[in-house]
Amino acid sequence: MKTIMVRYKTSEAHGSANEALVRAVFEELRAKAPAGLRYATYRLADGVTFVHIATVESTADNPLVTLPAFKAFQQALKDRCVEPPVVTEMSVVGSYG
């Protein structure tokens, strides 16, 4: 099992467009319901900082990266950002719910 957090800031002009792309990913996830994935995205109060947290059961197969909506989200991410994505691997200490 592997958990990663990705944090980045978009420009103010791209915050809502980024959110729309993220929502499309979640729509596709609900439709396809891939096994072995827990995924959440948060938009911070500043409106431009996004945090994604993904836990994948199999480190060999990440179903998220195969989704067309996720590929569309990633396509111009660097152009939407004023602070590039920082990827951090995490390990669970405790979890509830």
PDB file of N, CA and C in Angstrom:
ATOM      1  N   MET A   1       0.847  -1.173   0.000  1.00  0.00           N
ATOM      2  CA  MET A   1       0.000   0.000   0.000  1.00  0.00           C
ATOM      3  C   MET A   1       0.891   1.234   0.000  1.00  0.00           C
ATOM      4  N   LYS A   2       0.461   2.238  -0.756  1.00  0.00           N
ATOM      5  CA  LYS A   2       1.237   3.461  -0.881  1.00  0.00           C
ATOM      6  C   LYS A   2       0.283   4.654  -0.801  1.00  0.00           C
ATOM      7  N   THR A   3       0.651   5.651   0.005  1.00  0.00           N
ATOM      8  CA  THR A   3      -0.142   6.874   0.111  1.00  0.00           C
ATOM      9  C   THR A   3       0.740   8.050  -0.269  1.00  0.00           C
ATOM     10  N   ILE A   4       0.210   8.887  -1.152  1.00  0.00           N
ATOM     11  CA  ILE A   4       0.944  10.085  -1.539  1.00  0.00           C
ATOM     12  C   ILE A   4       0.040  11.309  -1.401  1.00  0.00           C
ATOM     13  N   MET A   5       0.682  12.432  -1.128  1.00  0.00           N
ATOM     14  CA  MET A   5       0.008  13.721  -1.088  1.00  0.00           C
ATOM     15  C   MET A   5       0.663  14.603  -2.132  1.00  0.00           C
ATOM     16  N   VAL A   6      -0.152  15.293  -2.897  1.00  0.00           N
ATOM     17  CA  VAL A   6       0.348  16.243  -3.885  1.00  0.00           C
ATOM     18  C   VAL A   6      -0.268  17.593  -3.557  1.00  0.00           C
ATOM     19  N   ARG A   7       0.591  18.604  -3.441  1.00  0.00           N
ATOM     20  CA  ARG A   7       0.129  19.954  -3.098  1.00  0.00           C
ATOM     21  C   ARG A   7       0.709  20.932  -4.116  1.00  0.00           C
ATOM     22  N   TYR A   8      -0.145  21.865  -4.573  1.00  0.00           N
ATOM     23  CA  TYR A   8       0.287  22.874  -5.533  1.00  0.00           C
ATOM     24  C   TYR A   8      -0.637  24.078  -5.453  1.00  0.00           C
ATOM     25  N   LYS A   9      -0.202  25.179  -6.061  1.00  0.00           N
ATOM     26  CA  LYS A   9      -1.032  26.386  -6.136  1.00  0.00           C
ATOM     27  C   LYS A   9      -1.240  26.743  -7.594  1.00  0.00           C
ATOM     28  N   THR A  10      -2.496  27.029  -7.925  1.00  0.00           N
ATOM     29  CA  THR A  10      -2.806  27.529  -9.260  1.00  0.00           C
ATOM     30  C   THR A  10      -2.832  29.056  -9.220  1.00  0.00           C
ATOM     31  N   SER A  11      -2.855  29.652 -10.383  1.00  0.00           N
ATOM     32  CA  SER A  11      -3.096  31.090 -10.425  1.00  0.00           C
ATOM     33  C   SER A  11      -4.562  31.313 -10.091  1.00  0.00           C
ATOM     34  N   GLU A  12      -4.910  32.510  -9.666  1.00  0.00           N
ATOM     35  CA  GLU A  12      -6.314  32.810  -9.360  1.00  0.00           C
ATOM     36  C   GLU A  12      -7.193  32.604 -10.588  1.00  0.00           C
ATOM     37  N   ALA A  13      -6.656  32.918 -11.747  1.00  0.00           N
ATOM     38  CA  ALA A  13      -7.413  32.778 -12.985  1.00  0.00           C
ATOM     39  C   ALA A  13      -7.728  31.317 -13.323  1.00  0.00           C
ATOM     40  N   HIS A  14      -6.937  30.381 -12.793  1.00  0.00           N
ATOM     41  CA  HIS A  14      -7.109  28.967 -13.136  1.00  0.00           C
ATOM     42  C   HIS A  14      -7.697  28.117 -12.014  1.00  0.00           C
ATOM     43  N   GLY A  15      -7.959  28.696 -10.858  1.00  0.00           N
ATOM     44  CA  GLY A  15      -8.468  27.910  -9.726  1.00  0.00           C
ATOM     45  C   GLY A  15      -9.767  27.183 -10.025  1.00  0.00           C
ATOM     46  N   SER A  16     -10.726  27.869 -10.592  1.00  0.00           N
ATOM     47  CA  SER A  16     -12.026  27.245 -10.874  1.00  0.00           C
ATOM     48  C   SER A  16     -11.928  26.221 -11.998  1.00  0.00           C
ATOM     49  N   ALA A  17     -11.114  26.499 -13.008  1.00  0.00           N
ATOM     50  CA  ALA A  17     -10.921  25.535 -14.092  1.00  0.00           C
ATOM     51  C   ALA A  17     -10.263  24.268 -13.558  1.00  0.00           C
ATOM     52  N   ASN A  18      -9.307  24.432 -12.649  1.00  0.00           N
ATOM     53  CA  ASN A  18      -8.649  23.277 -12.048  1.00  0.00           C
ATOM     54  C   ASN A  18      -9.663  22.447 -11.260  1.00  0.00           C
ATOM     55  N   GLU A  19     -10.509  23.130 -10.489  1.00  0.00           N
ATOM     56  CA  GLU A  19     -11.523  22.422  -9.720  1.00  0.00           C
ATOM     57  C   GLU A  19     -12.464  21.646 -10.644  1.00  0.00           C
ATOM     58  N   ALA A  20     -12.846  22.230 -11.757  1.00  0.00           N
ATOM     59  CA  ALA A  20     -13.729  21.542 -12.702  1.00  0.00           C
ATOM     60  C   ALA A  20     -13.073  20.280 -13.258  1.00  0.00           C
ATOM     61  N   LEU A  21     -11.789  20.349 -13.550  1.00  0.00           N
ATOM     62  CA  LEU A  21     -11.067  19.173 -14.038  1.00  0.00           C
ATOM     63  C   LEU A  21     -10.996  18.091 -12.963  1.00  0.00           C
ATOM     64  N   VAL A  22     -10.781  18.502 -11.722  1.00  0.00           N
ATOM     65  CA  VAL A  22     -10.748  17.556 -10.601  1.00  0.00           C
ATOM     66  C   VAL A  22     -12.114  16.898 -10.441  1.00  0.00           C
ATOM     67  N   ARG A  23     -13.170  17.679 -10.511  1.00  0.00           N
ATOM     68  CA  ARG A  23     -14.527  17.124 -10.372  1.00  0.00           C
ATOM     69  C   ARG A  23     -14.814  16.089 -11.462  1.00  0.00           C
ATOM     70  N   ALA A  24     -14.301  16.320 -12.654  1.00  0.00           N
ATOM     71  CA  ALA A  24     -14.474  15.356 -13.745  1.00  0.00           C
ATOM     72  C   ALA A  24     -13.792  14.030 -13.419  1.00  0.00           C
ATOM     73  N   VAL A  25     -12.652  14.090 -12.751  1.00  0.00           N
ATOM     74  CA  VAL A  25     -11.965  12.867 -12.322  1.00  0.00           C
ATOM     75  C   VAL A  25     -12.855  12.089 -11.354  1.00  0.00           C
ATOM     76  N   PHE A  26     -13.444  12.792 -10.403  1.00  0.00           N
ATOM     77  CA  PHE A  26     -14.303  12.109  -9.427  1.00  0.00           C
ATOM     78  C   PHE A  26     -15.575  11.562 -10.067  1.00  0.00           C
ATOM     79  N   GLU A  27     -16.104  12.226 -11.075  1.00  0.00           N
ATOM     80  CA  GLU A  27     -17.254  11.689 -11.801  1.00  0.00           C
ATOM     81  C   GLU A  27     -16.897  10.367 -12.471  1.00  0.00           C
ATOM     82  N   GLU A  28     -15.720  10.334 -13.094  1.00  0.00           N
ATOM     83  CA  GLU A  28     -15.281   9.096 -13.740  1.00  0.00           C
ATOM     84  C   GLU A  28     -14.992   8.008 -12.716  1.00  0.00           C
ATOM     85  N   LEU A  29     -14.416   8.382 -11.576  1.00  0.00           N
ATOM     86  CA  LEU A  29     -14.171   7.396 -10.520  1.00  0.00           C
ATOM     87  C   LEU A  29     -15.483   6.787 -10.030  1.00  0.00           C
ATOM     88  N   ARG A  30     -16.502   7.612  -9.832  1.00  0.00           N
ATOM     89  CA  ARG A  30     -17.800   7.092  -9.396  1.00  0.00           C
ATOM     90  C   ARG A  30     -18.395   6.146 -10.445  1.00  0.00           C
ATOM     91  N   ALA A  31     -18.218   6.470 -11.716  1.00  0.00           N
ATOM     92  CA  ALA A  31     -18.772   5.644 -12.788  1.00  0.00           C
ATOM     93  C   ALA A  31     -18.035   4.312 -12.923  1.00  0.00           C
ATOM     94  N   LYS A  32     -16.712   4.341 -12.776  1.00  0.00           N
ATOM     95  CA  LYS A  32     -15.911   3.127 -12.990  1.00  0.00           C
ATOM     96  C   LYS A  32     -15.620   2.356 -11.716  1.00  0.00           C
ATOM     97  N   ALA A  33     -15.643   3.022 -10.580  1.00  0.00           N
ATOM     98  CA  ALA A  33     -15.407   2.404  -9.267  1.00  0.00           C
ATOM     99  C   ALA A  33     -14.222   1.437  -9.251  1.00  0.00           C
ATOM    100  N   PRO A  34     -13.027   1.930  -9.575  1.00  0.00           N
ATOM    101  CA  PRO A  34     -11.869   1.033  -9.572  1.00  0.00           C
ATOM    102  C   PRO A  34     -11.531   0.554  -8.161  1.00  0.00           C
ATOM    103  N   ALA A  35     -11.154  -0.700  -8.071  1.00  0.00           N
ATOM    104  CA  ALA A  35     -10.776  -1.285  -6.782  1.00  0.00           C
ATOM    105  C   ALA A  35      -9.368  -0.843  -6.402  1.00  0.00           C
ATOM    106  N   GLY A  36      -9.104  -0.850  -5.106  1.00  0.00           N
ATOM    107  CA  GLY A  36      -7.750  -0.620  -4.618  1.00  0.00           C
ATOM    108  C   GLY A  36      -7.308   0.827  -4.586  1.00  0.00           C
ATOM    109  N   LEU A  37      -8.260   1.767  -4.590  1.00  0.00           N
ATOM    110  CA  LEU A  37      -7.904   3.182  -4.610  1.00  0.00           C
ATOM    111  C   LEU A  37      -8.782   3.953  -3.637  1.00  0.00           C
ATOM    112  N   ARG A  38      -8.140   4.777  -2.821  1.00  0.00           N
ATOM    113  CA  ARG A  38      -8.824   5.782  -1.997  1.00  0.00           C
ATOM    114  C   ARG A  38      -8.225   7.109  -2.429  1.00  0.00           C
ATOM    115  N   TYR A  39      -9.095   8.091  -2.717  1.00  0.00           N
ATOM    116  CA  TYR A  39      -8.611   9.337  -3.298  1.00  0.00           C
ATOM    117  C   TYR A  39      -9.477  10.495  -2.828  1.00  0.00           C
ATOM    118  N   ALA A  40      -8.847  11.582  -2.447  1.00  0.00           N
ATOM    119  CA  ALA A  40      -9.569  12.790  -2.039  1.00  0.00           C
ATOM    120  C   ALA A  40      -8.781  14.004  -2.510  1.00  0.00           C
ATOM    121  N   THR A  41      -9.516  15.051  -2.840  1.00  0.00           N
ATOM    122  CA  THR A  41      -8.897  16.319  -3.223  1.00  0.00           C
ATOM    123  C   THR A  41      -9.535  17.425  -2.413  1.00  0.00           C
ATOM    124  N   TYR A  42      -8.714  18.359  -1.957  1.00  0.00           N
ATOM    125  CA  TYR A  42      -9.162  19.484  -1.143  1.00  0.00           C
ATOM    126  C   TYR A  42      -8.711  20.778  -1.795  1.00  0.00           C
ATOM    127  N   ARG A  43      -9.578  21.783  -1.738  1.00  0.00           N
ATOM    128  CA  ARG A  43      -9.216  23.135  -2.168  1.00  0.00           C
ATOM    129  C   ARG A  43      -9.170  23.974  -0.901  1.00  0.00           C
ATOM    130  N   LEU A  44      -8.021  24.547  -0.621  1.00  0.00           N
ATOM    131  CA  LEU A  44      -7.848  25.301   0.616  1.00  0.00           C
ATOM    132  C   LEU A  44      -8.584  26.636   0.561  1.00  0.00           C
ATOM    133  N   ALA A  45      -8.720  27.270   1.713  1.00  0.00           N
ATOM    134  CA  ALA A  45      -9.500  28.503   1.848  1.00  0.00           C
ATOM    135  C   ALA A  45      -8.986  29.635   0.964  1.00  0.00           C
ATOM    136  N   ASP A  46      -7.718  29.604   0.584  1.00  0.00           N
ATOM    137  CA  ASP A  46      -7.194  30.671  -0.274  1.00  0.00           C
ATOM    138  C   ASP A  46      -7.726  30.571  -1.703  1.00  0.00           C
ATOM    139  N   GLY A  47      -8.361  29.441  -2.035  1.00  0.00           N
ATOM    140  CA  GLY A  47      -8.972  29.254  -3.349  1.00  0.00           C
ATOM    141  C   GLY A  47      -8.036  28.826  -4.454  1.00  0.00           C
ATOM    142  N   VAL A  48      -6.739  28.798  -4.167  1.00  0.00           N
ATOM    143  CA  VAL A  48      -5.770  28.458  -5.215  1.00  0.00           C
ATOM    144  C   VAL A  48      -4.855  27.292  -4.851  1.00  0.00           C
ATOM    145  N   THR A  49      -4.892  26.872  -3.596  1.00  0.00           N
ATOM    146  CA  THR A  49      -4.059  25.745  -3.167  1.00  0.00           C
ATOM    147  C   THR A  49      -4.903  24.480  -3.167  1.00  0.00           C
ATOM    148  N   PHE A  50      -4.376  23.446  -3.800  1.00  0.00           N
ATOM    149  CA  PHE A  50      -5.051  22.161  -3.883  1.00  0.00           C
ATOM    150  C   PHE A  50      -4.173  21.088  -3.259  1.00  0.00           C
ATOM    151  N   VAL A  51      -4.817  20.155  -2.563  1.00  0.00           N
ATOM    152  CA  VAL A  51      -4.125  19.024  -1.957  1.00  0.00           C
ATOM    153  C   VAL A  51      -4.862  17.762  -2.380  1.00  0.00           C
ATOM    154  N   HIS A  52      -4.123  16.837  -2.952  1.00  0.00           N
ATOM    155  CA  HIS A  52      -4.669  15.545  -3.364  1.00  0.00           C
ATOM    156  C   HIS A  52      -4.017  14.471  -2.494  1.00  0.00           C
ATOM    157  N   ILE A  53      -4.818  13.553  -1.990  1.00  0.00           N
ATOM    158  CA  ILE A  53      -4.288  12.441  -1.204  1.00  0.00           C
ATOM    159  C   ILE A  53      -4.819  11.156  -1.813  1.00  0.00           C
ATOM    160  N   ALA A  54      -3.911  10.286  -2.200  1.00  0.00           N
ATOM    161  CA  ALA A  54      -4.285   9.024  -2.832  1.00  0.00           C
ATOM    162  C   ALA A  54      -3.613   7.869  -2.103  1.00  0.00           C
ATOM    163  N   THR A  55      -4.394   6.844  -1.837  1.00  0.00           N
ATOM    164  CA  THR A  55      -3.857   5.598  -1.295  1.00  0.00           C
ATOM    165  C   THR A  55      -4.163   4.498  -2.293  1.00  0.00           C
ATOM    166  N   VAL A  56      -3.126   3.834  -2.726  1.00  0.00           N
ATOM    167  CA  VAL A  56      -3.247   2.768  -3.722  1.00  0.00           C
ATOM    168  C   VAL A  56      -2.790   1.471  -3.082  1.00  0.00           C
ATOM    169  N   GLU A  57      -3.645   0.444  -3.141  1.00  0.00           N
ATOM    170  CA  GLU A  57      -3.297  -0.841  -2.530  1.00  0.00           C
ATOM    171  C   GLU A  57      -2.116  -1.504  -3.220  1.00  0.00           C
ATOM    172  N   SER A  58      -2.091  -1.466  -4.538  1.00  0.00           N
ATOM    173  CA  SER A  58      -1.009  -2.098  -5.288  1.00  0.00           C
ATOM    174  C   SER A  58      -0.083  -1.017  -5.819  1.00  0.00           C
ATOM    175  N   THR A  59       1.181  -1.089  -5.455  1.00  0.00           N
ATOM    176  CA  THR A  59       2.131  -0.088  -5.936  1.00  0.00           C
ATOM    177  C   THR A  59       2.444  -0.301  -7.419  1.00  0.00           C
ATOM    178  N   ALA A  60       2.113  -1.467  -7.949  1.00  0.00           N
ATOM    179  CA  ALA A  60       2.367  -1.750  -9.359  1.00  0.00           C
ATOM    180  C   ALA A  60       1.280  -1.174 -10.260  1.00  0.00           C
ATOM    181  N   ASP A  61       0.028  -1.149  -9.782  1.00  0.00           N
ATOM    182  CA  ASP A  61      -1.092  -0.706 -10.604  1.00  0.00           C
ATOM    183  C   ASP A  61      -1.860   0.407  -9.912  1.00  0.00           C
ATOM    184  N   ASN A  62      -1.752   1.617 -10.452  1.00  0.00           N
ATOM    185  CA  ASN A  62      -2.511   2.743  -9.931  1.00  0.00           C
ATOM    186  C   ASN A  62      -3.644   3.023 -10.909  1.00  0.00           C
ATOM    187  N   PRO A  63      -4.876   2.662 -10.551  1.00  0.00           N
ATOM    188  CA  PRO A  63      -5.983   2.847 -11.493  1.00  0.00           C
ATOM    189  C   PRO A  63      -6.271   4.305 -11.822  1.00  0.00           C
ATOM    190  N   LEU A  64      -5.852   5.218 -10.982  1.00  0.00           N
ATOM    191  CA  LEU A  64      -6.106   6.634 -11.207  1.00  0.00           C
ATOM    192  C   LEU A  64      -5.438   7.127 -12.485  1.00  0.00           C
ATOM    193  N   VAL A  65      -4.206   6.728 -12.712  1.00  0.00           N
ATOM    194  CA  VAL A  65      -3.438   7.260 -13.841  1.00  0.00           C
ATOM    195  C   VAL A  65      -3.927   6.747 -15.191  1.00  0.00           C
ATOM    196  N   THR A  66      -4.794   5.741 -15.196  1.00  0.00           N
ATOM    197  CA  THR A  66      -5.316   5.212 -16.454  1.00  0.00           C
ATOM    198  C   THR A  66      -6.604   5.909 -16.897  1.00  0.00           C
ATOM    199  N   LEU A  67      -7.205   6.713 -16.034  1.00  0.00           N
ATOM    200  CA  LEU A  67      -8.477   7.355 -16.350  1.00  0.00           C
ATOM    201  C   LEU A  67      -8.297   8.510 -17.340  1.00  0.00           C
ATOM    202  N   PRO A  68      -9.116   8.566 -18.397  1.00  0.00           N
ATOM    203  CA  PRO A  68      -9.027   9.693 -19.329  1.00  0.00           C
ATOM    204  C   PRO A  68      -9.214  11.051 -18.652  1.00  0.00           C
ATOM    205  N   ALA A  69     -10.117  11.147 -17.676  1.00  0.00           N
ATOM    206  CA  ALA A  69     -10.329  12.427 -16.988  1.00  0.00           C
ATOM    207  C   ALA A  69      -9.092  12.841 -16.194  1.00  0.00           C
ATOM    208  N   PHE A  70      -8.371  11.870 -15.624  1.00  0.00           N
ATOM    209  CA  PHE A  70      -7.154  12.196 -14.884  1.00  0.00           C
ATOM    210  C   PHE A  70      -6.062  12.642 -15.841  1.00  0.00           C
ATOM    211  N   LYS A  71      -5.983  11.994 -16.991  1.00  0.00           N
ATOM    212  CA  LYS A  71      -5.008  12.409 -18.003  1.00  0.00           C
ATOM    213  C   LYS A  71      -5.307  13.835 -18.477  1.00  0.00           C
ATOM    214  N   ALA A  72      -6.594  14.157 -18.657  1.00  0.00           N
ATOM    215  CA  ALA A  72      -6.983  15.515 -19.057  1.00  0.00           C
ATOM    216  C   ALA A  72      -6.621  16.521 -17.965  1.00  0.00           C
ATOM    217  N   PHE A  73      -6.831  16.140 -16.700  1.00  0.00           N
ATOM    218  CA  PHE A  73      -6.469  16.998 -15.572  1.00  0.00           C
ATOM    219  C   PHE A  73      -4.964  17.282 -15.575  1.00  0.00           C
ATOM    220  N   GLN A  74      -4.169  16.267 -15.790  1.00  0.00           N
ATOM    221  CA  GLN A  74      -2.708  16.419 -15.732  1.00  0.00           C
ATOM    222  C   GLN A  74      -2.126  17.155 -16.933  1.00  0.00           C
ATOM    223  N   GLN A  75      -2.839  17.131 -18.044  1.00  0.00           N
ATOM    224  CA  GLN A  75      -2.296  17.616 -19.313  1.00  0.00           C
ATOM    225  C   GLN A  75      -1.666  19.001 -19.243  1.00  0.00           C
ATOM    226  N   ALA A  76      -2.334  19.978 -18.680  1.00  0.00           N
ATOM    227  CA  ALA A  76      -1.794  21.339 -18.635  1.00  0.00           C
ATOM    228  C   ALA A  76      -1.661  21.837 -17.193  1.00  0.00           C
ATOM    229  N   LEU A  77      -1.491  20.905 -16.260  1.00  0.00           N
ATOM    230  CA  LEU A  77      -1.407  21.290 -14.853  1.00  0.00           C
ATOM    231  C   LEU A  77      -0.296  22.305 -14.610  1.00  0.00           C
ATOM    232  N   LYS A  78       0.864  22.084 -15.177  1.00  0.00           N
ATOM    233  CA  LYS A  78       1.990  22.999 -14.949  1.00  0.00           C
ATOM    234  C   LYS A  78       1.674  24.411 -15.440  1.00  0.00           C
ATOM    235  N   ASP A  79       0.873  24.516 -16.496  1.00  0.00           N
ATOM    236  CA  ASP A  79       0.494  25.838 -17.014  1.00  0.00           C
ATOM    237  C   ASP A  79      -0.494  26.546 -16.085  1.00  0.00           C
ATOM    238  N   ARG A  80      -1.278  25.777 -15.314  1.00  0.00           N
ATOM    239  CA  ARG A  80      -2.241  26.365 -14.382  1.00  0.00           C
ATOM    240  C   ARG A  80      -1.597  26.764 -13.062  1.00  0.00           C
ATOM    241  N   CYS A  81      -0.400  26.269 -12.804  1.00  0.00           N
ATOM    242  CA  CYS A  81       0.228  26.440 -11.491  1.00  0.00           C
ATOM    243  C   CYS A  81       1.140  27.660 -11.404  1.00  0.00           C
ATOM    244  N   VAL A  82       1.123  28.273 -10.209  1.00  0.00           N
ATOM    245  CA  VAL A  82       2.124  29.288  -9.878  1.00  0.00           C
ATOM    246  C   VAL A  82       3.153  28.696  -8.915  1.00  0.00           C
ATOM    247  N   GLU A  83       2.776  27.602  -8.253  1.00  0.00           N
ATOM    248  CA  GLU A  83       3.706  26.790  -7.466  1.00  0.00           C
ATOM    249  C   GLU A  83       3.525  25.364  -7.952  1.00  0.00           C
ATOM    250  N   PRO A  84       4.590  24.732  -8.435  1.00  0.00           N
ATOM    251  CA  PRO A  84       4.454  23.397  -9.025  1.00  0.00           C
ATOM    252  C   PRO A  84       4.072  22.339  -7.993  1.00  0.00           C
ATOM    253  N   PRO A  85       3.549  21.229  -8.480  1.00  0.00           N
ATOM    254  CA  PRO A  85       3.172  20.145  -7.578  1.00  0.00           C
ATOM    255  C   PRO A  85       4.376  19.604  -6.796  1.00  0.00           C
ATOM    256  N   VAL A  86       4.147  19.393  -5.510  1.00  0.00           N
ATOM    257  CA  VAL A  86       5.132  18.752  -4.644  1.00  0.00           C
ATOM    258  C   VAL A  86       4.512  17.436  -4.199  1.00  0.00           C
ATOM    259  N   VAL A  87       5.198  16.344  -4.508  1.00  0.00           N
ATOM    260  CA  VAL A  87       4.702  15.008  -4.192  1.00  0.00           C
ATOM    261  C   VAL A  87       5.410  14.520  -2.937  1.00  0.00           C
ATOM    262  N   THR A  88       4.621  14.068  -1.956  1.00  0.00           N
ATOM    263  CA  THR A  88       5.160  13.577  -0.698  1.00  0.00           C
ATOM    264  C   THR A  88       4.566  12.215  -0.414  1.00  0.00           C
ATOM    265  N   GLU A  89       5.414  11.224  -0.188  1.00  0.00           N
ATOM    266  CA  GLU A  89       4.927   9.906   0.201  1.00  0.00           C
ATOM    267  C   GLU A  89       4.703   9.911   1.710  1.00  0.00           C
ATOM    268  N   MET A  90       3.589   9.309   2.141  1.00  0.00           N
ATOM    269  CA  MET A  90       3.231   9.321   3.556  1.00  0.00           C
ATOM    270  C   MET A  90       2.949   7.892   4.018  1.00  0.00           C
ATOM    271  N   SER A  91       3.042   7.696   5.322  1.00  0.00           N
ATOM    272  CA  SER A  91       2.629   6.422   5.919  1.00  0.00           C
ATOM    273  C   SER A  91       1.610   6.697   7.002  1.00  0.00           C
ATOM    274  N   VAL A  92       0.621   5.837   7.096  1.00  0.00           N
ATOM    275  CA  VAL A  92      -0.475   6.028   8.046  1.00  0.00           C
ATOM    276  C   VAL A  92      -0.005   5.725   9.448  1.00  0.00           C
ATOM    277  N   VAL A  93      -0.275   6.628  10.366  1.00  0.00           N
ATOM    278  CA  VAL A  93      -0.021   6.414  11.787  1.00  0.00           C
ATOM    279  C   VAL A  93      -1.310   5.934  12.449  1.00  0.00           C
ATOM    280  N   GLY A  94      -2.413   6.525  12.056  1.00  0.00           N
ATOM    281  CA  GLY A  94      -3.726   6.147  12.544  1.00  0.00           C
ATOM    282  C   GLY A  94      -4.771   6.711  11.610  1.00  0.00           C
ATOM    283  N   SER A  95      -5.943   6.101  11.617  1.00  0.00           N
ATOM    284  CA  SER A  95      -7.015   6.550  10.750  1.00  0.00           C
ATOM    285  C   SER A  95      -8.345   6.203  11.403  1.00  0.00           C
ATOM    286  N   TYR A  96      -9.317   7.052  11.208  1.00  0.00           N
ATOM    287  CA  TYR A  96     -10.647   6.782  11.750  1.00  0.00           C
ATOM    288  C   TYR A  96     -11.675   7.126  10.684  1.00  0.00           C
ATOM    289  N   GLY A  97     -12.639   6.278  10.478  1.00  0.00           N
ATOM    290  CA  GLY A  97     -13.733   6.551   9.555  1.00  0.00           C
ATOM    291  C   GLY A  97     -13.446   6.318   8.122  1.00  0.00           C
TER     292      GLY A  97
END
